[in-house]
Amino acid sequence: MDLRRAGAIVLSIVATALRLCAIAMCAITVVLCFSGLSARLNMVGFVIDLSRAIPAVIAGYGVITTPFGGVFRLDFALVAAVLFLLDYVCCRASRTLRL
């Protein structure tokens, strides 16, 4: 019983970390849509490093210019969606272990 509870706690911590990473990816995706904002925040080096960390299959996929002078990065949005999906799976598994 205690092992199941410990597993549930670990899964909820992992789910929270995944959710925070997904929210950060969403925020980065929105900031990159505005060229002035991303230039002011000096995010170029960070975005390049983040692009290298994304799997090569989707890295650079769906880069679309926006009317605001920036770019919409579909690859970042897809990574955020996958992180939210993994968060959901971890939350469901955590609830199942608690029952």
N, C-alpha and C. Protein backbone atom coordinates (compact mmCIF):
# COMPACT_ATOMS: atom_id res chain seq x y z
N MET A 1 0.82 -1.19 0.00
CA MET A 1 0.00 0.00 0.00
C MET A 1 0.87 1.25 0.00
N ASP A 2 1.93 1.27 0.82
CA ASP A 2 2.80 2.45 0.87
C ASP A 2 3.59 2.63 -0.42
N LEU A 3 3.93 1.52 -1.08
CA LEU A 3 4.66 1.59 -2.34
C LEU A 3 3.79 2.22 -3.42
N ARG A 4 2.51 1.88 -3.42
CA ARG A 4 1.59 2.47 -4.39
C ARG A 4 1.42 3.97 -4.14
N ARG A 5 1.36 4.34 -2.87
CA ARG A 5 1.22 5.76 -2.53
C ARG A 5 2.48 6.54 -2.92
N ALA A 6 3.65 5.94 -2.70
CA ALA A 6 4.90 6.59 -3.10
C ALA A 6 4.97 6.75 -4.61
N GLY A 7 4.54 5.73 -5.34
CA GLY A 7 4.50 5.82 -6.80
C GLY A 7 3.56 6.91 -7.27
N ALA A 8 2.43 7.04 -6.59
CA ALA A 8 1.47 8.08 -6.95
C ALA A 8 2.05 9.47 -6.70
N ILE A 9 2.78 9.62 -5.62
CA ILE A 9 3.40 10.92 -5.32
C ILE A 9 4.46 11.26 -6.35
N VAL A 10 5.28 10.27 -6.71
CA VAL A 10 6.32 10.49 -7.72
C VAL A 10 5.68 10.87 -9.06
N LEU A 11 4.62 10.17 -9.45
CA LEU A 11 3.95 10.48 -10.70
C LEU A 11 3.32 11.87 -10.68
N SER A 12 2.78 12.31 -9.54
CA SER A 12 2.23 13.66 -9.49
C SER A 12 3.32 14.71 -9.56
N ILE A 13 4.49 14.44 -9.01
CA ILE A 13 5.60 15.39 -9.12
C ILE A 13 6.08 15.47 -10.57
N VAL A 14 6.19 14.32 -11.23
CA VAL A 14 6.58 14.30 -12.64
C VAL A 14 5.54 15.03 -13.50
N ALA A 15 4.27 14.81 -13.19
CA ALA A 15 3.20 15.48 -13.94
C ALA A 15 3.29 17.00 -13.78
N THR A 16 3.59 17.47 -12.58
CA THR A 16 3.72 18.90 -12.35
C THR A 16 4.91 19.47 -13.13
N ALA A 17 6.02 18.75 -13.14
CA ALA A 17 7.19 19.21 -13.90
C ALA A 17 6.88 19.25 -15.40
N LEU A 18 6.20 18.24 -15.90
CA LEU A 18 5.82 18.22 -17.31
C LEU A 18 4.88 19.38 -17.64
N ARG A 19 3.94 19.66 -16.75
CA ARG A 19 3.00 20.76 -16.97
C ARG A 19 3.73 22.10 -17.01
N LEU A 20 4.68 22.30 -16.11
CA LEU A 20 5.44 23.55 -16.10
C LEU A 20 6.27 23.70 -17.37
N CYS A 21 6.87 22.61 -17.84
CA CYS A 21 7.64 22.65 -19.09
C CYS A 21 6.73 22.96 -20.28
N ALA A 22 5.54 22.37 -20.28
CA ALA A 22 4.60 22.62 -21.37
C ALA A 22 4.14 24.07 -21.37
N ILE A 23 3.88 24.62 -20.21
CA ILE A 23 3.48 26.03 -20.12
C ILE A 23 4.61 26.94 -20.59
N ALA A 24 5.84 26.60 -20.23
CA ALA A 24 7.00 27.37 -20.69
C ALA A 24 7.13 27.31 -22.20
N MET A 25 6.92 26.13 -22.80
CA MET A 25 6.99 26.00 -24.25
C MET A 25 5.90 26.83 -24.93
N CYS A 26 4.71 26.85 -24.34
CA CYS A 26 3.62 27.68 -24.88
C CYS A 26 3.99 29.16 -24.82
N ALA A 27 4.56 29.57 -23.70
CA ALA A 27 4.95 30.97 -23.55
C ALA A 27 6.04 31.35 -24.55
N ILE A 28 7.01 30.47 -24.75
CA ILE A 28 8.07 30.74 -25.72
C ILE A 28 7.50 30.82 -27.13
N THR A 29 6.56 29.94 -27.45
CA THR A 29 5.93 29.95 -28.77
C THR A 29 5.21 31.28 -29.01
N VAL A 30 4.52 31.78 -28.00
CA VAL A 30 3.80 33.05 -28.15
C VAL A 30 4.77 34.22 -28.24
N VAL A 31 5.81 34.22 -27.44
CA VAL A 31 6.78 35.31 -27.47
C VAL A 31 7.46 35.39 -28.83
N LEU A 32 7.76 34.25 -29.43
CA LEU A 32 8.43 34.24 -30.72
C LEU A 32 7.55 34.77 -31.85
N CYS A 33 6.26 34.84 -31.62
CA CYS A 33 5.35 35.39 -32.64
C CYS A 33 5.53 36.89 -32.79
N PHE A 34 6.11 37.55 -31.82
CA PHE A 34 6.32 38.99 -31.86
C PHE A 34 7.82 39.26 -31.91
N SER A 35 8.29 39.85 -33.01
CA SER A 35 9.73 40.03 -33.20
C SER A 35 10.31 41.02 -32.19
N GLY A 36 9.60 42.08 -31.89
CA GLY A 36 10.12 43.07 -30.95
C GLY A 36 10.30 42.51 -29.56
N LEU A 37 9.34 41.71 -29.13
CA LEU A 37 9.40 41.14 -27.79
C LEU A 37 10.52 40.11 -27.66
N SER A 38 10.65 39.27 -28.67
CA SER A 38 11.71 38.26 -28.60
C SER A 38 13.09 38.88 -28.73
N ALA A 39 13.20 39.99 -29.48
CA ALA A 39 14.49 40.68 -29.58
C ALA A 39 14.85 41.36 -28.27
N ARG A 40 13.85 41.96 -27.62
CA ARG A 40 14.11 42.61 -26.34
C ARG A 40 14.54 41.63 -25.26
N LEU A 41 13.96 40.44 -25.31
CA LEU A 41 14.29 39.43 -24.31
C LEU A 41 15.58 38.68 -24.64
N ASN A 42 16.15 38.97 -25.82
CA ASN A 42 17.41 38.36 -26.26
C ASN A 42 17.34 36.83 -26.18
N MET A 43 16.35 36.27 -26.85
CA MET A 43 16.08 34.84 -26.76
C MET A 43 16.72 34.01 -27.86
N VAL A 44 17.50 34.62 -28.75
CA VAL A 44 18.01 33.91 -29.93
C VAL A 44 18.85 32.70 -29.53
N GLY A 45 19.80 32.88 -28.65
CA GLY A 45 20.66 31.77 -28.23
C GLY A 45 19.88 30.66 -27.55
N PHE A 46 18.93 31.05 -26.72
CA PHE A 46 18.10 30.07 -26.02
C PHE A 46 17.25 29.27 -27.00
N VAL A 47 16.68 29.95 -27.98
CA VAL A 47 15.82 29.28 -28.97
C VAL A 47 16.65 28.32 -29.82
N ILE A 48 17.87 28.70 -30.16
CA ILE A 48 18.74 27.80 -30.93
C ILE A 48 19.06 26.56 -30.11
N ASP A 49 19.39 26.73 -28.85
CA ASP A 49 19.67 25.58 -27.98
C ASP A 49 18.44 24.69 -27.82
N LEU A 50 17.29 25.31 -27.68
CA LEU A 50 16.04 24.57 -27.54
C LEU A 50 15.71 23.82 -28.83
N SER A 51 16.00 24.43 -29.97
CA SER A 51 15.77 23.76 -31.26
C SER A 51 16.66 22.54 -31.41
N ARG A 52 17.86 22.62 -30.90
CA ARG A 52 18.78 21.47 -30.96
C ARG A 52 18.34 20.34 -30.04
N ALA A 53 17.62 20.67 -28.98
CA ALA A 53 17.16 19.66 -28.03
C ALA A 53 15.93 18.91 -28.52
N ILE A 54 15.22 19.51 -29.46
CA ILE A 54 14.02 18.88 -30.03
C ILE A 54 14.46 17.76 -30.97
N PRO A 55 13.74 16.65 -31.00
CA PRO A 55 14.11 15.56 -31.92
C PRO A 55 14.20 16.06 -33.36
N ALA A 56 15.17 15.53 -34.10
CA ALA A 56 15.45 15.98 -35.46
C ALA A 56 14.27 15.78 -36.41
N VAL A 57 13.36 14.87 -36.07
CA VAL A 57 12.22 14.59 -36.93
C VAL A 57 11.32 15.82 -37.06
N ILE A 58 11.13 16.57 -35.97
CA ILE A 58 10.23 17.72 -36.02
C ILE A 58 10.94 19.06 -35.87
N ALA A 59 12.24 19.05 -35.63
CA ALA A 59 12.96 20.32 -35.43
C ALA A 59 12.88 21.17 -36.69
N GLY A 60 12.41 22.38 -36.53
CA GLY A 60 12.30 23.31 -37.64
C GLY A 60 11.06 23.12 -38.49
N TYR A 61 10.20 22.18 -38.12
CA TYR A 61 8.99 21.90 -38.88
C TYR A 61 7.92 22.95 -38.59
N GLY A 62 7.34 23.50 -39.62
CA GLY A 62 6.23 24.41 -39.46
C GLY A 62 6.60 25.78 -38.92
N VAL A 63 7.70 26.34 -39.38
CA VAL A 63 8.05 27.70 -38.99
C VAL A 63 7.33 28.65 -39.94
N ILE A 64 6.37 29.39 -39.40
CA ILE A 64 5.50 30.24 -40.20
C ILE A 64 5.66 31.69 -39.74
N THR A 65 5.86 32.60 -40.68
CA THR A 65 5.97 34.01 -40.30
C THR A 65 4.60 34.54 -39.89
N THR A 66 4.62 35.43 -38.93
CA THR A 66 3.37 36.02 -38.44
C THR A 66 3.28 37.47 -38.91
N PRO A 67 2.09 38.05 -38.90
CA PRO A 67 1.95 39.46 -39.28
C PRO A 67 2.61 40.42 -38.28
N PHE A 68 3.03 39.91 -37.15
CA PHE A 68 3.65 40.74 -36.12
C PHE A 68 5.16 40.80 -36.25
N GLY A 69 5.70 40.18 -37.31
CA GLY A 69 7.14 40.22 -37.56
C GLY A 69 7.91 39.06 -36.97
N GLY A 70 7.27 38.22 -36.23
CA GLY A 70 7.95 37.06 -35.65
C GLY A 70 7.63 35.79 -36.41
N VAL A 71 7.84 34.67 -35.77
CA VAL A 71 7.54 33.38 -36.39
C VAL A 71 6.75 32.51 -35.40
N PHE A 72 5.84 31.74 -35.96
CA PHE A 72 5.14 30.72 -35.17
C PHE A 72 5.89 29.43 -35.38
N ARG A 73 6.34 28.81 -34.30
CA ARG A 73 7.10 27.56 -34.37
C ARG A 73 6.17 26.40 -34.05
N LEU A 74 5.74 25.71 -35.09
CA LEU A 74 4.86 24.56 -34.90
C LEU A 74 5.57 23.45 -34.15
N ASP A 75 6.88 23.30 -34.35
CA ASP A 75 7.61 22.26 -33.62
C ASP A 75 7.56 22.51 -32.12
N PHE A 76 7.66 23.77 -31.68
CA PHE A 76 7.55 24.08 -30.26
C PHE A 76 6.14 23.81 -29.75
N ALA A 77 5.14 24.15 -30.57
CA ALA A 77 3.76 23.90 -30.17
C ALA A 77 3.48 22.40 -30.06
N LEU A 78 4.06 21.61 -30.96
CA LEU A 78 3.88 20.16 -30.89
C LEU A 78 4.54 19.57 -29.65
N VAL A 79 5.71 20.07 -29.31
CA VAL A 79 6.39 19.61 -28.09
C VAL A 79 5.55 19.97 -26.87
N ALA A 80 4.98 21.17 -26.85
CA ALA A 80 4.11 21.57 -25.73
C ALA A 80 2.91 20.65 -25.63
N ALA A 81 2.30 20.31 -26.78
CA ALA A 81 1.14 19.42 -26.77
C ALA A 81 1.52 18.04 -26.25
N VAL A 82 2.67 17.53 -26.65
CA VAL A 82 3.12 16.21 -26.17
C VAL A 82 3.39 16.26 -24.67
N LEU A 83 3.97 17.35 -24.20
CA LEU A 83 4.22 17.49 -22.76
C LEU A 83 2.92 17.54 -21.97
N PHE A 84 1.90 18.25 -22.50
CA PHE A 84 0.59 18.26 -21.84
C PHE A 84 -0.03 16.87 -21.85
N LEU A 85 0.14 16.13 -22.93
CA LEU A 85 -0.39 14.77 -23.01
C LEU A 85 0.29 13.86 -21.99
N LEU A 86 1.61 13.95 -21.88
CA LEU A 86 2.32 13.15 -20.88
C LEU A 86 1.92 13.54 -19.46
N ASP A 87 1.66 14.83 -19.24
CA ASP A 87 1.17 15.30 -17.94
C ASP A 87 -0.16 14.63 -17.62
N TYR A 88 -1.05 14.59 -18.59
CA TYR A 88 -2.36 13.97 -18.39
C TYR A 88 -2.22 12.48 -18.07
N VAL A 89 -1.34 11.80 -18.80
CA VAL A 89 -1.14 10.36 -18.57
C VAL A 89 -0.59 10.12 -17.17
N CYS A 90 0.36 10.95 -16.75
CA CYS A 90 0.91 10.79 -15.40
C CYS A 90 -0.14 11.06 -14.32
N CYS A 91 -0.98 12.06 -14.54
CA CYS A 91 -2.04 12.35 -13.57
C CYS A 91 -3.03 11.19 -13.46
N ARG A 92 -3.40 10.62 -14.60
CA ARG A 92 -4.33 9.49 -14.59
C ARG A 92 -3.70 8.28 -13.90
N ALA A 93 -2.44 8.02 -14.19
CA ALA A 93 -1.76 6.88 -13.55
C ALA A 93 -1.63 7.10 -12.04
N SER A 94 -1.39 8.33 -11.65
CA SER A 94 -1.28 8.66 -10.23
C SER A 94 -2.63 8.42 -9.53
N ARG A 95 -3.71 8.84 -10.16
CA ARG A 95 -5.04 8.61 -9.57
C ARG A 95 -5.36 7.14 -9.48
N THR A 96 -4.97 6.39 -10.49
CA THR A 96 -5.22 4.94 -10.50
C THR A 96 -4.47 4.26 -9.37
N LEU A 97 -3.24 4.69 -9.12
CA LEU A 97 -2.46 4.09 -8.04
C LEU A 97 -3.02 4.42 -6.66
N ARG A 98 -3.67 5.55 -6.53
CA ARG A 98 -4.20 5.95 -5.23
C ARG A 98 -5.47 5.20 -4.86
N LEU A 99 -6.14 4.63 -5.84
CA LEU A 99 -7.40 3.91 -5.55
C LEU A 99 -7.17 2.57 -4.91
